[in-house]
Amino acid sequence: MKFSETIQKLDRRYIYIIVALAVILPLVFPLGFQTYMTTPVENLYVHIDEAARKDNKVILLDFAQAPSTLPELYPMDIAILRHCFLRDIKVFTISYFPQGAAIMEMALAEVKEDFPEIKPNVDYCNFGYRTWGMRLPIILGMGDDIAKAVETNSEGAMLENLPIMKNIKNYDNIQVIVEITGSTAGLTYITYARGKFGADVGVGVTAVSAADLYPYLQTGQLVGSLGGLKGAAEYEELVETFAVQDIEFSKKNARDTKWRSNQFKLSEVPYKYKKARIGMDAQAVVHVLIILFIIVGNIGYFLDKRKTKQKYVK
């Protein structure tokens, strides 16, 4: 019975120290747990990858983010941009949030460090910040003419005069719209861009919002999704395994659940491209630890109750 008493009287500061170590150590010394793929992430990767090296196709990334969601969403930003730059996929970026515009600039600058050959307004175009009131007019306007709906890039240059706009007219040339957001995900694009013009839509969301997307995924209104840090980790793994090696990626390959990413070592990958996977190492360790705490705590509680009951019976 001493065990139950020890558990019940354990100083909570020791628990906090153990949890802190469980978080910090895997971040400093990555464990390299295998990342298993889920269908929504595979589908989004495949859909984006189909635009590789096509002059008449482009990806639209909407950064509907704030600093509070950076730990979960920013690795998605980096992974998708890296995928596009590696595979020569043209990218449009836009944000209707002031904070999202700053995050968008930061993500572009961070990924471009490793791609000196990538040129603004040729390989990608940053539309910059647009006020929330202009969101619906722009979304509807892009169905007819992107250059007229958005008009200028983040530097004030007219879109119609930019090299990237050659062969790009409207949603027919947008391979997929990906909204990365910490709030209601993709509903405006589903309602208007997809409902009116048939555009394909994908999303990246925080883990707490991921379950809300299942009806839209099941009905095909979303072509794919990334859910929280786990989704970002999966996308990082796909980019590392396939895009880095410049392998032609097809839906058949994506459905092959037997693949394993043994072609590269995680230690050789720059930190910014493995943030989510390292974060998942820490998350996995902490989750297991919390489960153990719950089990041990319950054992101690019931043993203590049993002792009390026996005391009164005597």
C-alpha atoms as a PDB file:
ATOM      1  CA  MET A   1       0.000   0.000   0.000  1.00  0.00           C
ATOM      2  CA  LYS A   2       2.995   2.312   0.271  1.00  0.00           C
ATOM      3  CA  PHE A   3       2.965   2.493  -3.542  1.00  0.00           C
ATOM      4  CA  SER A   4      -0.517   4.054  -3.633  1.00  0.00           C
ATOM      5  CA  GLU A   5       0.383   6.563  -0.955  1.00  0.00           C
ATOM      6  CA  THR A   6       3.571   7.547  -2.808  1.00  0.00           C
ATOM      7  CA  ILE A   7       1.698   8.038  -6.071  1.00  0.00           C
ATOM      8  CA  GLN A   8      -1.015  10.155  -4.469  1.00  0.00           C
ATOM      9  CA  LYS A   9       1.477  12.368  -2.641  1.00  0.00           C
ATOM     10  CA  LEU A  10       3.984  12.730  -5.499  1.00  0.00           C
ATOM     11  CA  ASP A  11       5.116  16.339  -5.849  1.00  0.00           C
ATOM     12  CA  ARG A  12       3.671  17.636  -9.118  1.00  0.00           C
ATOM     13  CA  ARG A  13       6.905  19.513  -9.831  1.00  0.00           C
ATOM     14  CA  TYR A  14       8.589  16.180 -10.588  1.00  0.00           C
ATOM     15  CA  ILE A  15       5.869  15.447 -13.137  1.00  0.00           C
ATOM     16  CA  TYR A  16       6.417  18.834 -14.795  1.00  0.00           C
ATOM     17  CA  ILE A  17      10.166  18.163 -14.994  1.00  0.00           C
ATOM     18  CA  ILE A  18       9.620  14.744 -16.578  1.00  0.00           C
ATOM     19  CA  VAL A  19       7.176  16.160 -19.136  1.00  0.00           C
ATOM     20  CA  ALA A  20       9.569  19.011 -19.950  1.00  0.00           C
ATOM     21  CA  LEU A  21      12.403  16.547 -20.567  1.00  0.00           C
ATOM     22  CA  ALA A  22      10.097  14.390 -22.697  1.00  0.00           C
ATOM     23  CA  VAL A  23       9.440  17.415 -24.922  1.00  0.00           C
ATOM     24  CA  ILE A  24      12.944  18.891 -25.034  1.00  0.00           C
ATOM     25  CA  LEU A  25      15.086  15.776 -25.517  1.00  0.00           C
ATOM     26  CA  PRO A  26      13.376  14.519 -28.729  1.00  0.00           C
ATOM     27  CA  LEU A  27      13.595  18.044 -30.141  1.00  0.00           C
ATOM     28  CA  VAL A  28      17.336  18.193 -29.471  1.00  0.00           C
ATOM     29  CA  PHE A  29      18.018  14.537 -30.319  1.00  0.00           C
ATOM     30  CA  PRO A  30      15.439  13.489 -32.979  1.00  0.00           C
ATOM     31  CA  LEU A  31      14.325   9.873 -32.715  1.00  0.00           C
ATOM     32  CA  GLY A  32      13.334   9.533 -36.366  1.00  0.00           C
ATOM     33  CA  PHE A  33      10.043   7.690 -35.850  1.00  0.00           C
ATOM     34  CA  GLN A  34       8.549   6.471 -39.115  1.00  0.00           C
ATOM     35  CA  THR A  35       5.780   8.658 -40.530  1.00  0.00           C
ATOM     36  CA  TYR A  36       2.804   6.727 -41.878  1.00  0.00           C
ATOM     37  CA  MET A  37       0.835   8.272 -44.719  1.00  0.00           C
ATOM     38  CA  THR A  38      -2.883   9.007 -44.697  1.00  0.00           C
ATOM     39  CA  THR A  39      -5.068   9.259 -47.798  1.00  0.00           C
ATOM     40  CA  PRO A  40      -6.005  12.984 -47.567  1.00  0.00           C
ATOM     41  CA  VAL A  41      -2.319  13.981 -47.462  1.00  0.00           C
ATOM     42  CA  GLU A  42      -1.387  11.634 -50.295  1.00  0.00           C
ATOM     43  CA  ASN A  43      -4.232  12.977 -52.418  1.00  0.00           C
ATOM     44  CA  LEU A  44      -3.212  16.590 -51.907  1.00  0.00           C
ATOM     45  CA  TYR A  45       0.431  15.825 -52.713  1.00  0.00           C
ATOM     46  CA  VAL A  46      -0.526  13.977 -55.896  1.00  0.00           C
ATOM     47  CA  HIS A  47      -2.896  16.726 -56.987  1.00  0.00           C
ATOM     48  CA  ILE A  48      -0.250  19.412 -56.567  1.00  0.00           C
ATOM     49  CA  ASP A  49       2.438  17.290 -58.190  1.00  0.00           C
ATOM     50  CA  GLU A  50       0.349  16.879 -61.345  1.00  0.00           C
ATOM     51  CA  ALA A  51       1.138  20.530 -62.139  1.00  0.00           C
ATOM     52  CA  ALA A  52       4.874  19.835 -62.347  1.00  0.00           C
ATOM     53  CA  ARG A  53       6.599  21.486 -65.345  1.00  0.00           C
ATOM     54  CA  LYS A  54       3.331  22.663 -66.899  1.00  0.00           C
ATOM     55  CA  ASP A  55       3.325  26.219 -68.212  1.00  0.00           C
ATOM     56  CA  ASN A  56      -0.455  26.490 -68.079  1.00  0.00           C
ATOM     57  CA  LYS A  57      -0.964  25.289 -64.507  1.00  0.00           C
ATOM     58  CA  VAL A  58      -0.358  27.029 -61.187  1.00  0.00           C
ATOM     59  CA  ILE A  59      -1.018  26.428 -57.473  1.00  0.00           C
ATOM     60  CA  LEU A  60      -2.802  29.103 -55.418  1.00  0.00           C
ATOM     61  CA  LEU A  61      -1.802  29.213 -51.716  1.00  0.00           C
ATOM     62  CA  ASP A  62      -3.998  31.244 -49.371  1.00  0.00           C
ATOM     63  CA  PHE A  63      -2.244  32.041 -46.075  1.00  0.00           C
ATOM     64  CA  ALA A  64      -5.172  32.508 -43.660  1.00  0.00           C
ATOM     65  CA  GLN A  65      -2.904  32.286 -40.617  1.00  0.00           C
ATOM     66  CA  ALA A  66      -1.828  34.038 -37.443  1.00  0.00           C
ATOM     67  CA  PRO A  67       1.241  33.654 -35.189  1.00  0.00           C
ATOM     68  CA  SER A  68      -0.791  31.537 -32.750  1.00  0.00           C
ATOM     69  CA  THR A  69      -0.997  28.715 -35.310  1.00  0.00           C
ATOM     70  CA  LEU A  70       2.628  28.834 -36.489  1.00  0.00           C
ATOM     71  CA  PRO A  71       3.759  25.584 -34.785  1.00  0.00           C
ATOM     72  CA  GLU A  72       1.221  23.515 -36.721  1.00  0.00           C
ATOM     73  CA  LEU A  73       0.730  25.440 -39.962  1.00  0.00           C
ATOM     74  CA  TYR A  74       4.113  26.949 -40.779  1.00  0.00           C
ATOM     75  CA  PRO A  75       5.734  23.548 -41.511  1.00  0.00           C
ATOM     76  CA  MET A  76       2.919  23.022 -44.050  1.00  0.00           C
ATOM     77  CA  ASP A  77       3.775  26.329 -45.723  1.00  0.00           C
ATOM     78  CA  ILE A  78       7.434  25.375 -45.989  1.00  0.00           C
ATOM     79  CA  ALA A  79       6.769  21.819 -47.203  1.00  0.00           C
ATOM     80  CA  ILE A  80       4.335  22.829 -49.960  1.00  0.00           C
ATOM     81  CA  LEU A  81       6.509  25.692 -51.201  1.00  0.00           C
ATOM     82  CA  ARG A  82       9.551  23.420 -51.246  1.00  0.00           C
ATOM     83  CA  HIS A  83       7.616  20.796 -53.187  1.00  0.00           C
ATOM     84  CA  CYS A  84       6.587  23.387 -55.784  1.00  0.00           C
ATOM     85  CA  PHE A  85      10.070  24.860 -56.170  1.00  0.00           C
ATOM     86  CA  LEU A  86      11.671  21.427 -56.463  1.00  0.00           C
ATOM     87  CA  ARG A  87       9.219  20.235 -59.095  1.00  0.00           C
ATOM     88  CA  ASP A  88       9.054  23.468 -61.097  1.00  0.00           C
ATOM     89  CA  ILE A  89       5.429  24.124 -60.159  1.00  0.00           C
ATOM     90  CA  LYS A  90       4.284  27.719 -60.488  1.00  0.00           C
ATOM     91  CA  VAL A  91       2.826  29.269 -57.334  1.00  0.00           C
ATOM     92  CA  PHE A  92       0.510  32.173 -56.547  1.00  0.00           C
ATOM     93  CA  THR A  93       0.400  33.321 -52.916  1.00  0.00           C
ATOM     94  CA  ILE A  94      -2.182  35.577 -51.278  1.00  0.00           C
ATOM     95  CA  SER A  95      -3.422  36.480 -47.795  1.00  0.00           C
ATOM     96  CA  TYR A  96      -6.470  38.331 -46.523  1.00  0.00           C
ATOM     97  CA  PHE A  97      -4.977  38.606 -43.028  1.00  0.00           C
ATOM     98  CA  PRO A  98      -2.250  41.159 -42.157  1.00  0.00           C
ATOM     99  CA  GLN A  99      -0.504  38.542 -40.003  1.00  0.00           C
ATOM    100  CA  GLY A 100      -0.885  35.949 -42.748  1.00  0.00           C
ATOM    101  CA  ALA A 101       0.800  38.260 -45.243  1.00  0.00           C
ATOM    102  CA  ALA A 102       3.841  38.548 -42.961  1.00  0.00           C
ATOM    103  CA  ILE A 103       3.969  34.759 -42.519  1.00  0.00           C
ATOM    104  CA  MET A 104       3.671  34.356 -46.291  1.00  0.00           C
ATOM    105  CA  GLU A 105       6.670  36.647 -46.869  1.00  0.00           C
ATOM    106  CA  MET A 106       8.653  34.791 -44.199  1.00  0.00           C
ATOM    107  CA  ALA A 107       7.915  31.365 -45.708  1.00  0.00           C
ATOM    108  CA  LEU A 108       8.824  32.478 -49.221  1.00  0.00           C
ATOM    109  CA  ALA A 109      12.083  34.026 -48.037  1.00  0.00           C
ATOM    110  CA  GLU A 110      13.031  30.933 -46.032  1.00  0.00           C
ATOM    111  CA  VAL A 111      12.464  28.435 -48.844  1.00  0.00           C
ATOM    112  CA  LYS A 112      14.003  30.652 -51.536  1.00  0.00           C
ATOM    113  CA  GLU A 113      17.343  30.512 -49.699  1.00  0.00           C
ATOM    114  CA  ASP A 114      17.843  27.016 -51.140  1.00  0.00           C
ATOM    115  CA  PHE A 115      16.530  27.865 -54.610  1.00  0.00           C
ATOM    116  CA  PRO A 116      18.568  30.767 -56.024  1.00  0.00           C
ATOM    117  CA  GLU A 117      17.353  29.927 -59.535  1.00  0.00           C
ATOM    118  CA  ILE A 118      13.717  30.584 -58.594  1.00  0.00           C
ATOM    119  CA  LYS A 119      12.635  34.015 -59.861  1.00  0.00           C
ATOM    120  CA  PRO A 120       9.750  36.152 -58.591  1.00  0.00           C
ATOM    121  CA  ASN A 121       7.001  36.861 -61.130  1.00  0.00           C
ATOM    122  CA  VAL A 122       8.429  34.084 -63.318  1.00  0.00           C
ATOM    123  CA  ASP A 123       8.289  30.953 -61.148  1.00  0.00           C
ATOM    124  CA  TYR A 124       6.031  32.342 -58.435  1.00  0.00           C
ATOM    125  CA  CYS A 125       4.000  35.482 -57.841  1.00  0.00           C
ATOM    126  CA  ASN A 126       3.149  36.971 -54.475  1.00  0.00           C
ATOM    127  CA  PHE A 127      -0.189  38.793 -54.632  1.00  0.00           C
ATOM    128  CA  GLY A 128       0.452  40.163 -51.141  1.00  0.00           C
ATOM    129  CA  TYR A 129      -2.147  41.300 -48.605  1.00  0.00           C
ATOM    130  CA  ARG A 130      -5.728  42.029 -49.643  1.00  0.00           C
ATOM    131  CA  THR A 131      -8.410  43.349 -47.303  1.00  0.00           C
ATOM    132  CA  TRP A 132     -11.045  40.888 -46.124  1.00  0.00           C
ATOM    133  CA  GLY A 133     -13.776  42.852 -47.885  1.00  0.00           C
ATOM    134  CA  MET A 134     -12.110  42.120 -51.223  1.00  0.00           C
ATOM    135  CA  ARG A 135     -11.971  38.368 -50.644  1.00  0.00           C
ATOM    136  CA  LEU A 136     -15.245  37.379 -52.258  1.00  0.00           C
ATOM    137  CA  PRO A 137     -14.919  39.755 -55.261  1.00  0.00           C
ATOM    138  CA  ILE A 138     -11.412  38.413 -55.913  1.00  0.00           C
ATOM    139  CA  ILE A 139     -12.446  34.765 -55.551  1.00  0.00           C
ATOM    140  CA  LEU A 140     -15.337  35.254 -57.973  1.00  0.00           C
ATOM    141  CA  GLY A 141     -13.312  37.487 -60.288  1.00  0.00           C
ATOM    142  CA  MET A 142     -10.537  34.920 -60.666  1.00  0.00           C
ATOM    143  CA  GLY A 143     -13.080  32.631 -62.294  1.00  0.00           C
ATOM    144  CA  ASP A 144     -13.103  34.975 -65.296  1.00  0.00           C
ATOM    145  CA  ASP A 145      -9.700  36.669 -65.277  1.00  0.00           C
ATOM    146  CA  ILE A 146      -7.070  36.422 -62.523  1.00  0.00           C
ATOM    147  CA  ALA A 147      -5.127  39.443 -63.759  1.00  0.00           C
ATOM    148  CA  LYS A 148      -8.221  41.661 -63.656  1.00  0.00           C
ATOM    149  CA  ALA A 149      -9.471  40.334 -60.299  1.00  0.00           C
ATOM    150  CA  VAL A 150      -6.169  40.766 -58.437  1.00  0.00           C
ATOM    151  CA  GLU A 151      -4.698  43.485 -60.682  1.00  0.00           C
ATOM    152  CA  THR A 152      -1.250  43.858 -59.033  1.00  0.00           C
ATOM    153  CA  ASN A 153       1.336  41.815 -57.186  1.00  0.00           C
ATOM    154  CA  SER A 154       2.728  42.675 -53.752  1.00  0.00           C
ATOM    155  CA  GLU A 155       5.115  45.203 -55.311  1.00  0.00           C
ATOM    156  CA  GLY A 156       2.434  47.005 -57.284  1.00  0.00           C
ATOM    157  CA  ALA A 157       3.320  45.609 -60.711  1.00  0.00           C
ATOM    158  CA  MET A 158       0.397  44.861 -63.033  1.00  0.00           C
ATOM    159  CA  LEU A 159      -0.227  41.118 -63.244  1.00  0.00           C
ATOM    160  CA  GLU A 160      -1.084  41.198 -66.921  1.00  0.00           C
ATOM    161  CA  ASN A 161       2.480  42.312 -67.674  1.00  0.00           C
ATOM    162  CA  LEU A 162       4.257  39.593 -65.661  1.00  0.00           C
ATOM    163  CA  PRO A 163       5.932  36.579 -67.377  1.00  0.00           C
ATOM    164  CA  ILE A 164       4.245  34.105 -65.013  1.00  0.00           C
ATOM    165  CA  MET A 165       0.809  35.101 -66.339  1.00  0.00           C
ATOM    166  CA  LYS A 166       1.570  33.805 -69.827  1.00  0.00           C
ATOM    167  CA  ASN A 167      -0.873  30.922 -70.503  1.00  0.00           C
ATOM    168  CA  ILE A 168      -2.584  31.629 -67.137  1.00  0.00           C
ATOM    169  CA  LYS A 169      -6.107  33.043 -67.345  1.00  0.00           C
ATOM    170  CA  ASN A 170      -8.569  31.774 -64.712  1.00  0.00           C
ATOM    171  CA  TYR A 171      -9.487  28.775 -62.553  1.00  0.00           C
ATOM    172  CA  ASP A 172      -9.036  26.486 -65.551  1.00  0.00           C
ATOM    173  CA  ASN A 173      -5.305  27.104 -65.093  1.00  0.00           C
ATOM    174  CA  ILE A 174      -5.234  26.703 -61.306  1.00  0.00           C
ATOM    175  CA  GLN A 175      -4.383  23.110 -60.508  1.00  0.00           C
ATOM    176  CA  VAL A 176      -5.592  23.406 -56.929  1.00  0.00           C
ATOM    177  CA  ILE A 177      -6.334  26.114 -54.377  1.00  0.00           C
ATOM    178  CA  VAL A 178      -4.794  25.326 -50.992  1.00  0.00           C
ATOM    179  CA  GLU A 179      -6.002  27.373 -48.023  1.00  0.00           C
ATOM    180  CA  ILE A 180      -3.769  26.957 -44.974  1.00  0.00           C
ATOM    181  CA  THR A 181      -5.755  28.216 -42.034  1.00  0.00           C
ATOM    182  CA  GLY A 182      -6.398  28.020 -38.310  1.00  0.00           C
ATOM    183  CA  SER A 183     -10.108  28.810 -38.704  1.00  0.00           C
ATOM    184  CA  THR A 184     -12.984  27.631 -40.910  1.00  0.00           C
ATOM    185  CA  ALA A 185     -11.163  25.852 -43.699  1.00  0.00           C
ATOM    186  CA  GLY A 186     -11.843  26.252 -47.378  1.00  0.00           C
ATOM    187  CA  LEU A 187     -15.598  26.860 -47.147  1.00  0.00           C
ATOM    188  CA  THR A 188     -15.584  30.083 -49.179  1.00  0.00           C
ATOM    189  CA  TYR A 189     -13.510  28.447 -51.904  1.00  0.00           C
ATOM    190  CA  ILE A 190     -15.737  25.360 -51.855  1.00  0.00           C
ATOM    191  CA  THR A 191     -18.888  27.480 -52.113  1.00  0.00           C
ATOM    192  CA  TYR A 192     -17.755  29.891 -54.820  1.00  0.00           C
ATOM    193  CA  ALA A 193     -14.551  28.775 -56.566  1.00  0.00           C
ATOM    194  CA  ARG A 194     -15.577  25.119 -56.704  1.00  0.00           C
ATOM    195  CA  GLY A 195     -19.357  25.538 -56.727  1.00  0.00           C
ATOM    196  CA  LYS A 196     -19.425  28.124 -59.516  1.00  0.00           C
ATOM    197  CA  PHE A 197     -16.253  27.427 -61.497  1.00  0.00           C
ATOM    198  CA  GLY A 198     -15.357  23.820 -60.623  1.00  0.00           C
ATOM    199  CA  ALA A 199     -11.962  24.655 -59.107  1.00  0.00           C
ATOM    200  CA  ASP A 200     -10.228  21.993 -57.005  1.00  0.00           C
ATOM    201  CA  VAL A 201      -9.709  22.910 -53.357  1.00  0.00           C
ATOM    202  CA  GLY A 202      -7.428  21.524 -50.641  1.00  0.00           C
ATOM    203  CA  VAL A 203      -6.732  22.731 -47.115  1.00  0.00           C
ATOM    204  CA  GLY A 204      -4.222  22.641 -44.296  1.00  0.00           C
ATOM    205  CA  VAL A 205      -5.662  23.073 -40.801  1.00  0.00           C
ATOM    206  CA  THR A 206      -4.817  22.731 -37.134  1.00  0.00           C
ATOM    207  CA  ALA A 207      -5.374  19.293 -35.636  1.00  0.00           C
ATOM    208  CA  VAL A 208      -8.450  20.376 -33.693  1.00  0.00           C
ATOM    209  CA  SER A 209     -10.188  21.324 -36.972  1.00  0.00           C
ATOM    210  CA  ALA A 210      -9.185  18.258 -38.980  1.00  0.00           C
ATOM    211  CA  ALA A 211     -12.267  16.171 -38.126  1.00  0.00           C
ATOM    212  CA  ASP A 212     -14.572  18.894 -39.477  1.00  0.00           C
ATOM    213  CA  LEU A 213     -13.191  18.253 -42.970  1.00  0.00           C
ATOM    214  CA  TYR A 214     -14.214  14.601 -43.306  1.00  0.00           C
ATOM    215  CA  PRO A 215     -17.643  15.279 -44.895  1.00  0.00           C
ATOM    216  CA  TYR A 216     -16.021  17.518 -47.528  1.00  0.00           C
ATOM    217  CA  LEU A 217     -13.329  14.928 -48.230  1.00  0.00           C
ATOM    218  CA  GLN A 218     -15.861  12.108 -48.519  1.00  0.00           C
ATOM    219  CA  THR A 219     -18.023  14.060 -50.974  1.00  0.00           C
ATOM    220  CA  GLY A 220     -15.044  15.159 -53.075  1.00  0.00           C
ATOM    221  CA  GLN A 221     -15.507  18.849 -52.341  1.00  0.00           C
ATOM    222  CA  LEU A 222     -11.944  18.800 -51.023  1.00  0.00           C
ATOM    223  CA  VAL A 223      -9.289  16.960 -53.020  1.00  0.00           C
ATOM    224  CA  GLY A 224      -7.094  16.514 -49.938  1.00  0.00           C
ATOM    225  CA  SER A 225      -6.078  17.977 -46.597  1.00  0.00           C
ATOM    226  CA  LEU A 226      -3.278  18.306 -44.071  1.00  0.00           C
ATOM    227  CA  GLY A 227      -4.330  17.954 -40.447  1.00  0.00           C
ATOM    228  CA  GLY A 228      -2.094  19.533 -37.822  1.00  0.00           C
ATOM    229  CA  LEU A 229       1.545  18.687 -37.225  1.00  0.00           C
ATOM    230  CA  LYS A 230       0.923  15.091 -38.307  1.00  0.00           C
ATOM    231  CA  GLY A 231      -0.284  16.205 -41.731  1.00  0.00           C
ATOM    232  CA  ALA A 232       2.705  18.518 -42.111  1.00  0.00           C
ATOM    233  CA  ALA A 233       5.066  15.678 -41.147  1.00  0.00           C
ATOM    234  CA  GLU A 234       3.507  13.395 -43.760  1.00  0.00           C
ATOM    235  CA  TYR A 235       3.862  16.020 -46.472  1.00  0.00           C
ATOM    236  CA  GLU A 236       7.507  16.629 -45.501  1.00  0.00           C
ATOM    237  CA  GLU A 237       8.108  12.893 -45.842  1.00  0.00           C
ATOM    238  CA  LEU A 238       6.467  12.728 -49.263  1.00  0.00           C
ATOM    239  CA  VAL A 239       8.524  15.658 -50.534  1.00  0.00           C
ATOM    240  CA  GLU A 240      11.697  14.081 -49.193  1.00  0.00           C
ATOM    241  CA  THR A 241      10.968  10.668 -50.619  1.00  0.00           C
ATOM    242  CA  PHE A 242       9.692  11.584 -54.054  1.00  0.00           C
ATOM    243  CA  ALA A 243      10.123  15.210 -55.092  1.00  0.00           C
ATOM    244  CA  VAL A 244      13.763  15.429 -53.986  1.00  0.00           C
ATOM    245  CA  GLN A 245      14.591  12.420 -56.136  1.00  0.00           C
ATOM    246  CA  ASP A 246      12.539  13.870 -59.003  1.00  0.00           C
ATOM    247  CA  ILE A 247      10.508  10.682 -59.336  1.00  0.00           C
ATOM    248  CA  GLU A 248       7.409  10.892 -61.498  1.00  0.00           C
ATOM    249  CA  PHE A 249       4.675  10.505 -58.906  1.00  0.00           C
ATOM    250  CA  SER A 250       1.368   8.947 -59.882  1.00  0.00           C
ATOM    251  CA  LYS A 251      -1.780   8.046 -57.997  1.00  0.00           C
ATOM    252  CA  LYS A 252      -0.784   4.403 -58.217  1.00  0.00           C
ATOM    253  CA  ASN A 253       2.480   5.155 -56.429  1.00  0.00           C
ATOM    254  CA  ALA A 254       0.678   7.250 -53.834  1.00  0.00           C
ATOM    255  CA  ARG A 255      -1.682   4.386 -53.037  1.00  0.00           C
ATOM    256  CA  ASP A 256       1.211   1.986 -52.438  1.00  0.00           C
ATOM    257  CA  THR A 257       1.111   1.744 -48.659  1.00  0.00           C
ATOM    258  CA  LYS A 258       4.206  -0.478 -48.613  1.00  0.00           C
ATOM    259  CA  TRP A 259       6.636   2.306 -49.474  1.00  0.00           C
ATOM    260  CA  ARG A 260       9.243   3.275 -46.904  1.00  0.00           C
ATOM    261  CA  SER A 261      11.486   6.323 -46.961  1.00  0.00           C
ATOM    262  CA  ASN A 262      14.796   4.541 -46.534  1.00  0.00           C
ATOM    263  CA  GLN A 263      16.420   6.451 -49.396  1.00  0.00           C
ATOM    264  CA  PHE A 264      17.577   9.324 -47.195  1.00  0.00           C
ATOM    265  CA  LYS A 265      18.751  10.029 -43.669  1.00  0.00           C
ATOM    266  CA  LEU A 266      16.748  12.483 -41.600  1.00  0.00           C
ATOM    267  CA  SER A 267      19.965  13.846 -40.096  1.00  0.00           C
ATOM    268  CA  GLU A 268      21.052  15.043 -43.550  1.00  0.00           C
ATOM    269  CA  VAL A 269      17.912  17.122 -44.109  1.00  0.00           C
ATOM    270  CA  PRO A 270      18.039  20.852 -43.146  1.00  0.00           C
ATOM    271  CA  TYR A 271      16.114  21.525 -39.947  1.00  0.00           C
ATOM    272  CA  LYS A 272      13.533  23.788 -41.598  1.00  0.00           C
ATOM    273  CA  TYR A 273      12.426  20.884 -43.804  1.00  0.00           C
ATOM    274  CA  LYS A 274      11.936  18.417 -40.957  1.00  0.00           C
ATOM    275  CA  LYS A 275      10.357  20.622 -38.277  1.00  0.00           C
ATOM    276  CA  ALA A 276       7.079  18.722 -38.287  1.00  0.00           C
ATOM    277  CA  ARG A 277       8.720  15.292 -38.096  1.00  0.00           C
ATOM    278  CA  ILE A 278      10.931  16.324 -35.195  1.00  0.00           C
ATOM    279  CA  GLY A 279       7.885  17.847 -33.525  1.00  0.00           C
ATOM    280  CA  MET A 280       6.010  14.577 -33.995  1.00  0.00           C
ATOM    281  CA  ASP A 281       8.841  12.725 -32.208  1.00  0.00           C
ATOM    282  CA  ALA A 282       8.340  14.915 -29.138  1.00  0.00           C
ATOM    283  CA  GLN A 283       4.568  14.726 -29.424  1.00  0.00           C
ATOM    284  CA  ALA A 284       4.611  10.929 -29.607  1.00  0.00           C
ATOM    285  CA  VAL A 285       6.869  10.604 -26.553  1.00  0.00           C
ATOM    286  CA  VAL A 286       4.740  13.007 -24.510  1.00  0.00           C
ATOM    287  CA  HIS A 287       1.506  11.259 -25.492  1.00  0.00           C
ATOM    288  CA  VAL A 288       2.875   7.888 -24.358  1.00  0.00           C
ATOM    289  CA  LEU A 289       4.146   9.466 -21.148  1.00  0.00           C
ATOM    290  CA  ILE A 290       0.768  11.062 -20.368  1.00  0.00           C
ATOM    291  CA  ILE A 291      -0.966   7.714 -20.931  1.00  0.00           C
ATOM    292  CA  LEU A 292       1.450   6.084 -18.501  1.00  0.00           C
ATOM    293  CA  PHE A 293       0.797   8.816 -15.940  1.00  0.00           C
ATOM    294  CA  ILE A 294      -2.948   8.247 -16.287  1.00  0.00           C
ATOM    295  CA  ILE A 295      -2.583   4.486 -15.852  1.00  0.00           C
ATOM    296  CA  VAL A 296      -0.243   4.752 -12.861  1.00  0.00           C
ATOM    297  CA  GLY A 297      -2.379   7.489 -11.301  1.00  0.00           C
ATOM    298  CA  ASN A 298      -5.525   5.392 -11.599  1.00  0.00           C
ATOM    299  CA  ILE A 299      -3.780   2.359 -10.131  1.00  0.00           C
ATOM    300  CA  GLY A 300      -2.681   4.457  -7.176  1.00  0.00           C
ATOM    301  CA  TYR A 301      -6.175   5.929  -6.777  1.00  0.00           C
ATOM    302  CA  PHE A 302      -7.965   2.562  -6.736  1.00  0.00           C
ATOM    303  CA  LEU A 303      -5.409   1.009  -4.395  1.00  0.00           C
ATOM    304  CA  ASP A 304      -5.920   3.941  -2.052  1.00  0.00           C
ATOM    305  CA  LYS A 305      -9.714   3.484  -2.246  1.00  0.00           C
ATOM    306  CA  ARG A 306      -9.313  -0.194  -1.519  1.00  0.00           C
ATOM    307  CA  LYS A 307      -7.184   0.568   1.526  1.00  0.00           C
ATOM    308  CA  THR A 308      -9.765   3.041   2.818  1.00  0.00           C
ATOM    309  CA  LYS A 309     -12.589   0.524   2.286  1.00  0.00           C
ATOM    310  CA  GLN A 310     -10.715  -2.216   4.145  1.00  0.00           C
ATOM    311  CA  LYS A 311     -10.046   0.169   7.008  1.00  0.00           C
ATOM    312  CA  TYR A 312     -13.753   0.889   7.495  1.00  0.00           C
ATOM    313  CA  VAL A 313     -14.706  -2.795   7.134  1.00  0.00           C
ATOM    314  CA  LYS A 314     -12.380  -3.670  10.012  1.00  0.00           C
END
